[in-house]
Amino acid sequence: MSDQSHGADPTFLADNIIEIYKKHAQAWTALRGHFLYEKVWLDHFLTLIPAHSQILDLGCGSGKPIAQYFIEQGHSVTGVDSSDVMIAMAKAKFPQQTWLHADMRQLHLEQKFQGILAWDSFFHLTPNDQRNMFASFAKYAEQGTVLMFTSGPSYGEVIGDMFGDALYHASLAAQEYRTLLTQYGFQVVKMVAEDVECTGHTVWLAQMQ
């Protein structure tokens, strides 16, 4: 994962992620659409958790299409997003679920979940913030809880683009993710780097032991 920042300050860009998703919430939701290109991974995730599970969706966006898919399979979702616009959209569409306007790095909940997802959200955090998130993953997990998140294929920071705004991404090295997962009690179930069947996503699926 190479640095493509072209002179931009990565720290500033990382801090600006929340504002970008607020600014482009409607446009991003429309662009994301309803197609579940990640369905194979979501289905694998769901096979590992009980029926009617509680799922924590970190960086849930508008709730479509991923949280909606979980709801349609009979699960309950607690969605967390730092964009108040996206959370408002999720609340309007799925009022029976729990939607929290919060930063995943500063989340304080009392319950545990059978599934934890951080799809296309976790990788917007700086490397150090990513390392710190593993304690939160463990905090909200119980024995058997399934964790799935996307990362980059190797260590580094990359600056992408969202409607003309610089969009920060970062990743740890694969071995560090494995070490952190083990350290916090998770066992890797499956990992694919740059999965060609999932639009090139690097996906981690793990389960609390």
C-alpha atoms as a PDB file:
ATOM      1  CA  MET A   1       0.000   0.000   0.000  1.00  0.00           C
ATOM      2  CA  SER A   2       2.008   2.938  -1.231  1.00  0.00           C
ATOM      3  CA  ASP A   3       1.826   6.564  -0.180  1.00  0.00           C
ATOM      4  CA  GLN A   4      -0.065   8.550  -2.817  1.00  0.00           C
ATOM      5  CA  SER A   5      -0.572  11.719  -0.790  1.00  0.00           C
ATOM      6  CA  HIS A   6       1.268  13.962  -3.288  1.00  0.00           C
ATOM      7  CA  GLY A   7       2.470  16.287  -0.548  1.00  0.00           C
ATOM      8  CA  ALA A   8      -0.807  16.543   1.389  1.00  0.00           C
ATOM      9  CA  ASP A   9      -0.611  16.271   5.178  1.00  0.00           C
ATOM     10  CA  PRO A  10      -1.942  12.777   6.003  1.00  0.00           C
ATOM     11  CA  THR A  11      -2.792  13.776   9.580  1.00  0.00           C
ATOM     12  CA  PHE A  12      -4.983  16.638   8.401  1.00  0.00           C
ATOM     13  CA  LEU A  13      -6.636  14.437   5.796  1.00  0.00           C
ATOM     14  CA  ALA A  14      -7.342  11.724   8.358  1.00  0.00           C
ATOM     15  CA  ASP A  15      -8.941  14.278  10.665  1.00  0.00           C
ATOM     16  CA  ASN A  16     -11.060  15.560   7.774  1.00  0.00           C
ATOM     17  CA  ILE A  17     -12.735  12.224   6.978  1.00  0.00           C
ATOM     18  CA  ILE A  18     -15.805  12.951   9.113  1.00  0.00           C
ATOM     19  CA  GLU A  19     -16.444  16.281   7.406  1.00  0.00           C
ATOM     20  CA  ILE A  20     -16.122  14.706   3.967  1.00  0.00           C
ATOM     21  CA  TYR A  21     -18.741  12.068   4.753  1.00  0.00           C
ATOM     22  CA  LYS A  22     -21.049  14.737   6.146  1.00  0.00           C
ATOM     23  CA  LYS A  23     -20.578  16.914   3.082  1.00  0.00           C
ATOM     24  CA  HIS A  24     -21.119  14.128   0.561  1.00  0.00           C
ATOM     25  CA  ALA A  25     -23.556  11.908   2.497  1.00  0.00           C
ATOM     26  CA  GLN A  26     -26.390  12.074  -0.019  1.00  0.00           C
ATOM     27  CA  ALA A  27     -24.159  11.791  -3.076  1.00  0.00           C
ATOM     28  CA  TRP A  28     -22.116   8.932  -1.611  1.00  0.00           C
ATOM     29  CA  THR A  29     -25.252   6.988  -0.661  1.00  0.00           C
ATOM     30  CA  ALA A  30     -26.621   7.390  -4.170  1.00  0.00           C
ATOM     31  CA  LEU A  31     -23.307   6.302  -5.681  1.00  0.00           C
ATOM     32  CA  ARG A  32     -23.033   3.277  -3.363  1.00  0.00           C
ATOM     33  CA  GLY A  33     -26.438   2.091  -4.525  1.00  0.00           C
ATOM     34  CA  HIS A  34     -28.104  -1.189  -3.576  1.00  0.00           C
ATOM     35  CA  PHE A  35     -25.833  -3.790  -5.183  1.00  0.00           C
ATOM     36  CA  LEU A  36     -24.177  -6.050  -2.601  1.00  0.00           C
ATOM     37  CA  TYR A  37     -20.806  -6.742  -4.210  1.00  0.00           C
ATOM     38  CA  GLU A  38     -19.691  -7.994  -0.772  1.00  0.00           C
ATOM     39  CA  LYS A  39     -22.576 -10.481  -0.408  1.00  0.00           C
ATOM     40  CA  VAL A  40     -20.349 -13.579  -0.343  1.00  0.00           C
ATOM     41  CA  TRP A  41     -18.438 -12.149   2.617  1.00  0.00           C
ATOM     42  CA  LEU A  42     -21.598 -10.998   4.377  1.00  0.00           C
ATOM     43  CA  ASP A  43     -23.104 -14.455   3.983  1.00  0.00           C
ATOM     44  CA  HIS A  44     -19.976 -16.092   5.405  1.00  0.00           C
ATOM     45  CA  PHE A  45     -20.128 -13.659   8.335  1.00  0.00           C
ATOM     46  CA  LEU A  46     -23.789 -14.537   8.934  1.00  0.00           C
ATOM     47  CA  THR A  47     -23.196 -18.301   8.847  1.00  0.00           C
ATOM     48  CA  LEU A  48     -20.947 -17.922  11.891  1.00  0.00           C
ATOM     49  CA  ILE A  49     -23.441 -16.105  14.153  1.00  0.00           C
ATOM     50  CA  PRO A  50     -26.735 -17.327  15.662  1.00  0.00           C
ATOM     51  CA  ALA A  51     -30.146 -16.438  14.286  1.00  0.00           C
ATOM     52  CA  HIS A  52     -31.527 -13.110  15.541  1.00  0.00           C
ATOM     53  CA  SER A  53     -28.117 -11.843  16.562  1.00  0.00           C
ATOM     54  CA  GLN A  54     -27.155  -8.351  17.650  1.00  0.00           C
ATOM     55  CA  ILE A  55     -24.755  -6.832  15.120  1.00  0.00           C
ATOM     56  CA  LEU A  56     -22.590  -3.753  15.688  1.00  0.00           C
ATOM     57  CA  ASP A  57     -22.022  -1.958  12.382  1.00  0.00           C
ATOM     58  CA  LEU A  58     -19.164   0.545  12.745  1.00  0.00           C
ATOM     59  CA  GLY A  59     -19.293   3.120   9.984  1.00  0.00           C
ATOM     60  CA  CYS A  60     -22.789   2.070   8.971  1.00  0.00           C
ATOM     61  CA  GLY A  61     -23.461   5.026   6.678  1.00  0.00           C
ATOM     62  CA  SER A  62     -27.099   5.308   5.661  1.00  0.00           C
ATOM     63  CA  GLY A  63     -27.804   1.671   6.537  1.00  0.00           C
ATOM     64  CA  LYS A  64     -28.044   0.706   2.883  1.00  0.00           C
ATOM     65  CA  PRO A  65     -27.277  -1.779   1.598  1.00  0.00           C
ATOM     66  CA  ILE A  66     -25.316  -3.728   4.246  1.00  0.00           C
ATOM     67  CA  ALA A  67     -27.291  -3.087   7.447  1.00  0.00           C
ATOM     68  CA  GLN A  68     -30.477  -3.493   5.447  1.00  0.00           C
ATOM     69  CA  TYR A  69     -29.296  -6.944   4.371  1.00  0.00           C
ATOM     70  CA  PHE A  70     -28.632  -7.954   7.977  1.00  0.00           C
ATOM     71  CA  ILE A  71     -32.076  -6.702   9.019  1.00  0.00           C
ATOM     72  CA  GLU A  72     -33.714  -8.645   6.217  1.00  0.00           C
ATOM     73  CA  GLN A  73     -31.991 -11.804   7.511  1.00  0.00           C
ATOM     74  CA  GLY A  74     -33.643 -11.311  10.901  1.00  0.00           C
ATOM     75  CA  HIS A  75     -30.804  -9.697  12.829  1.00  0.00           C
ATOM     76  CA  SER A  76     -30.832  -6.509  14.914  1.00  0.00           C
ATOM     77  CA  VAL A  77     -28.383  -3.759  14.056  1.00  0.00           C
ATOM     78  CA  THR A  78     -26.736  -1.080  16.149  1.00  0.00           C
ATOM     79  CA  GLY A  79     -25.249   1.262  13.579  1.00  0.00           C
ATOM     80  CA  VAL A  80     -22.563   3.801  14.412  1.00  0.00           C
ATOM     81  CA  ASP A  81     -21.436   6.597  12.126  1.00  0.00           C
ATOM     82  CA  SER A  82     -19.711   9.933  12.622  1.00  0.00           C
ATOM     83  CA  SER A  83     -21.828  11.571   9.902  1.00  0.00           C
ATOM     84  CA  ASP A  84     -25.009  12.951  11.428  1.00  0.00           C
ATOM     85  CA  VAL A  85     -26.526  13.158   7.949  1.00  0.00           C
ATOM     86  CA  MET A  86     -25.977   9.463   7.323  1.00  0.00           C
ATOM     87  CA  ILE A  87     -27.364   8.499  10.733  1.00  0.00           C
ATOM     88  CA  ALA A  88     -30.469  10.591  10.080  1.00  0.00           C
ATOM     89  CA  MET A  89     -30.959   8.724   6.807  1.00  0.00           C
ATOM     90  CA  ALA A  90     -30.596   5.371   8.552  1.00  0.00           C
ATOM     91  CA  LYS A  91     -33.063   6.326  11.274  1.00  0.00           C
ATOM     92  CA  ALA A  92     -35.612   7.401   8.678  1.00  0.00           C
ATOM     93  CA  LYS A  93     -35.313   4.148   6.726  1.00  0.00           C
ATOM     94  CA  PHE A  94     -35.017   1.670   9.611  1.00  0.00           C
ATOM     95  CA  PRO A  95     -36.591   3.231  12.708  1.00  0.00           C
ATOM     96  CA  GLN A  96     -36.803  -0.055  14.614  1.00  0.00           C
ATOM     97  CA  GLN A  97     -33.013  -0.381  14.751  1.00  0.00           C
ATOM     98  CA  THR A  98     -30.492   1.535  16.882  1.00  0.00           C
ATOM     99  CA  TRP A  99     -28.526   4.285  15.160  1.00  0.00           C
ATOM    100  CA  LEU A 100     -25.838   6.259  16.976  1.00  0.00           C
ATOM    101  CA  HIS A 101     -24.138   9.434  15.822  1.00  0.00           C
ATOM    102  CA  ALA A 102     -20.700   8.754  17.252  1.00  0.00           C
ATOM    103  CA  ASP A 103     -17.041   8.308  16.423  1.00  0.00           C
ATOM    104  CA  MET A 104     -16.154   4.604  16.550  1.00  0.00           C
ATOM    105  CA  ARG A 105     -12.923   5.530  18.339  1.00  0.00           C
ATOM    106  CA  GLN A 106     -14.870   7.059  21.248  1.00  0.00           C
ATOM    107  CA  LEU A 107     -17.750   4.614  21.527  1.00  0.00           C
ATOM    108  CA  HIS A 108     -19.118   3.718  24.969  1.00  0.00           C
ATOM    109  CA  LEU A 109     -21.758   0.987  24.999  1.00  0.00           C
ATOM    110  CA  GLU A 110     -22.809  -1.393  27.755  1.00  0.00           C
ATOM    111  CA  GLN A 111     -23.789  -4.400  25.645  1.00  0.00           C
ATOM    112  CA  LYS A 112     -21.940  -7.086  23.732  1.00  0.00           C
ATOM    113  CA  PHE A 113     -22.666  -8.221  20.202  1.00  0.00           C
ATOM    114  CA  GLN A 114     -22.581 -11.493  18.296  1.00  0.00           C
ATOM    115  CA  GLY A 115     -21.286  -9.770  15.168  1.00  0.00           C
ATOM    116  CA  ILE A 116     -19.065  -6.712  14.654  1.00  0.00           C
ATOM    117  CA  LEU A 117     -18.547  -5.176  11.224  1.00  0.00           C
ATOM    118  CA  ALA A 118     -16.278  -2.333  10.100  1.00  0.00           C
ATOM    119  CA  TRP A 119     -16.617  -2.457   6.318  1.00  0.00           C
ATOM    120  CA  ASP A 120     -15.042   0.365   4.315  1.00  0.00           C
ATOM    121  CA  SER A 121     -14.772   2.447   7.491  1.00  0.00           C
ATOM    122  CA  PHE A 122     -11.987   1.100   9.704  1.00  0.00           C
ATOM    123  CA  PHE A 123      -9.443   1.743   6.961  1.00  0.00           C
ATOM    124  CA  HIS A 124     -10.069   5.500   7.183  1.00  0.00           C
ATOM    125  CA  LEU A 125      -8.400   5.527  10.627  1.00  0.00           C
ATOM    126  CA  THR A 126      -4.719   6.263  11.118  1.00  0.00           C
ATOM    127  CA  PRO A 127      -2.483   3.246  11.808  1.00  0.00           C
ATOM    128  CA  ASN A 128      -2.324   4.057  15.523  1.00  0.00           C
ATOM    129  CA  ASP A 129      -6.093   4.530  15.786  1.00  0.00           C
ATOM    130  CA  GLN A 130      -6.528   1.187  14.050  1.00  0.00           C
ATOM    131  CA  ARG A 131      -4.286  -0.487  16.595  1.00  0.00           C
ATOM    132  CA  ASN A 132      -6.317   1.025  19.424  1.00  0.00           C
ATOM    133  CA  MET A 133      -9.605  -0.199  17.929  1.00  0.00           C
ATOM    134  CA  PHE A 134      -8.799  -3.826  18.661  1.00  0.00           C
ATOM    135  CA  ALA A 135      -9.418  -3.234  22.364  1.00  0.00           C
ATOM    136  CA  SER A 136     -12.878  -1.922  21.430  1.00  0.00           C
ATOM    137  CA  PHE A 137     -13.556  -4.918  19.206  1.00  0.00           C
ATOM    138  CA  ALA A 138     -12.739  -7.177  22.145  1.00  0.00           C
ATOM    139  CA  LYS A 139     -14.767  -5.061  24.582  1.00  0.00           C
ATOM    140  CA  TYR A 140     -17.955  -5.543  22.588  1.00  0.00           C
ATOM    141  CA  ALA A 141     -17.341  -9.207  21.821  1.00  0.00           C
ATOM    142  CA  GLU A 142     -18.263 -12.367  23.667  1.00  0.00           C
ATOM    143  CA  GLN A 143     -17.131 -15.930  23.007  1.00  0.00           C
ATOM    144  CA  GLY A 144     -18.034 -16.735  19.416  1.00  0.00           C
ATOM    145  CA  THR A 145     -18.501 -13.125  18.277  1.00  0.00           C
ATOM    146  CA  VAL A 146     -17.573 -12.685  14.627  1.00  0.00           C
ATOM    147  CA  LEU A 147     -15.531  -9.667  13.520  1.00  0.00           C
ATOM    148  CA  MET A 148     -15.141  -8.579   9.907  1.00  0.00           C
ATOM    149  CA  PHE A 149     -13.308  -5.538   8.589  1.00  0.00           C
ATOM    150  CA  THR A 150     -11.609  -4.285   5.447  1.00  0.00           C
ATOM    151  CA  SER A 151      -8.050  -3.010   5.285  1.00  0.00           C
ATOM    152  CA  GLY A 152      -5.350  -2.346   2.738  1.00  0.00           C
ATOM    153  CA  PRO A 153      -3.163  -5.184   1.441  1.00  0.00           C
ATOM    154  CA  SER A 154       0.009  -3.864   3.093  1.00  0.00           C
ATOM    155  CA  TYR A 155       1.294  -1.183   5.446  1.00  0.00           C
ATOM    156  CA  GLY A 156       0.936   2.420   4.318  1.00  0.00           C
ATOM    157  CA  GLU A 157      -1.253   5.447   3.741  1.00  0.00           C
ATOM    158  CA  VAL A 158      -3.130   6.163   0.517  1.00  0.00           C
ATOM    159  CA  ILE A 159      -5.061   9.274  -0.469  1.00  0.00           C
ATOM    160  CA  GLY A 160      -8.041   8.616  -2.685  1.00  0.00           C
ATOM    161  CA  ASP A 161     -10.788  10.910  -3.894  1.00  0.00           C
ATOM    162  CA  MET A 162     -14.433  11.498  -3.053  1.00  0.00           C
ATOM    163  CA  PHE A 163     -16.183  13.991  -5.326  1.00  0.00           C
ATOM    164  CA  GLY A 164     -13.028  16.072  -5.551  1.00  0.00           C
ATOM    165  CA  ASP A 165     -12.042  15.880  -1.869  1.00  0.00           C
ATOM    166  CA  ALA A 166      -8.925  14.000  -0.749  1.00  0.00           C
ATOM    167  CA  LEU A 167      -9.964  10.815   1.060  1.00  0.00           C
ATOM    168  CA  TYR A 168      -7.529   9.262   3.543  1.00  0.00           C
ATOM    169  CA  HIS A 169      -6.970   5.501   3.873  1.00  0.00           C
ATOM    170  CA  ALA A 170      -4.405   3.583   5.891  1.00  0.00           C
ATOM    171  CA  SER A 171      -3.447   0.021   6.610  1.00  0.00           C
ATOM    172  CA  LEU A 172      -1.240  -1.965   8.917  1.00  0.00           C
ATOM    173  CA  ALA A 173       0.810  -4.870   7.634  1.00  0.00           C
ATOM    174  CA  ALA A 174      -1.047  -8.168   7.426  1.00  0.00           C
ATOM    175  CA  GLN A 175       1.168  -9.734  10.088  1.00  0.00           C
ATOM    176  CA  GLU A 176       0.394  -6.922  12.523  1.00  0.00           C
ATOM    177  CA  TYR A 177      -3.337  -7.425  12.024  1.00  0.00           C
ATOM    178  CA  ARG A 178      -2.852 -11.130  12.747  1.00  0.00           C
ATOM    179  CA  THR A 179      -0.846 -10.329  15.864  1.00  0.00           C
ATOM    180  CA  LEU A 180      -3.457  -7.855  17.150  1.00  0.00           C
ATOM    181  CA  LEU A 181      -6.314 -10.246  16.491  1.00  0.00           C
ATOM    182  CA  THR A 182      -4.528 -12.997  18.409  1.00  0.00           C
ATOM    183  CA  GLN A 183      -3.593 -10.609  21.213  1.00  0.00           C
ATOM    184  CA  TYR A 184      -7.249  -9.667  21.741  1.00  0.00           C
ATOM    185  CA  GLY A 185      -8.621 -13.183  21.552  1.00  0.00           C
ATOM    186  CA  PHE A 186      -9.710 -13.458  17.918  1.00  0.00           C
ATOM    187  CA  GLN A 187      -8.812 -16.277  15.554  1.00  0.00           C
ATOM    188  CA  VAL A 188      -8.628 -15.555  11.837  1.00  0.00           C
ATOM    189  CA  VAL A 189     -11.274 -17.541   9.959  1.00  0.00           C
ATOM    190  CA  LYS A 190     -10.489 -16.197   6.504  1.00  0.00           C
ATOM    191  CA  MET A 191      -8.453 -13.385   4.978  1.00  0.00           C
ATOM    192  CA  VAL A 192      -8.173 -12.471   1.320  1.00  0.00           C
ATOM    193  CA  ALA A 193      -5.947  -9.660   0.095  1.00  0.00           C
ATOM    194  CA  GLU A 194      -7.339  -7.680  -2.844  1.00  0.00           C
ATOM    195  CA  ASP A 195     -10.175 -10.137  -3.431  1.00  0.00           C
ATOM    196  CA  VAL A 196     -10.923 -10.074  -7.157  1.00  0.00           C
ATOM    197  CA  GLU A 197     -14.435 -11.352  -6.437  1.00  0.00           C
ATOM    198  CA  CYS A 198     -15.104  -8.395  -4.119  1.00  0.00           C
ATOM    199  CA  THR A 199     -13.938  -5.383  -6.146  1.00  0.00           C
ATOM    200  CA  GLY A 200     -10.368  -5.770  -4.890  1.00  0.00           C
ATOM    201  CA  HIS A 201     -11.192  -5.442  -1.196  1.00  0.00           C
ATOM    202  CA  THR A 202      -8.840  -6.854   1.421  1.00  0.00           C
ATOM    203  CA  VAL A 203     -11.107  -8.571   3.929  1.00  0.00           C
ATOM    204  CA  TRP A 204     -10.520 -10.020   7.387  1.00  0.00           C
ATOM    205  CA  LEU A 205     -12.989 -12.412   9.027  1.00  0.00           C
ATOM    206  CA  ALA A 206     -12.221 -13.520  12.582  1.00  0.00           C
ATOM    207  CA  GLN A 207     -13.982 -15.032  15.580  1.00  0.00           C
ATOM    208  CA  MET A 208     -13.561 -14.501  19.310  1.00  0.00           C
ATOM    209  CA  GLN A 209     -12.321 -17.650  21.036  1.00  0.00           C
END
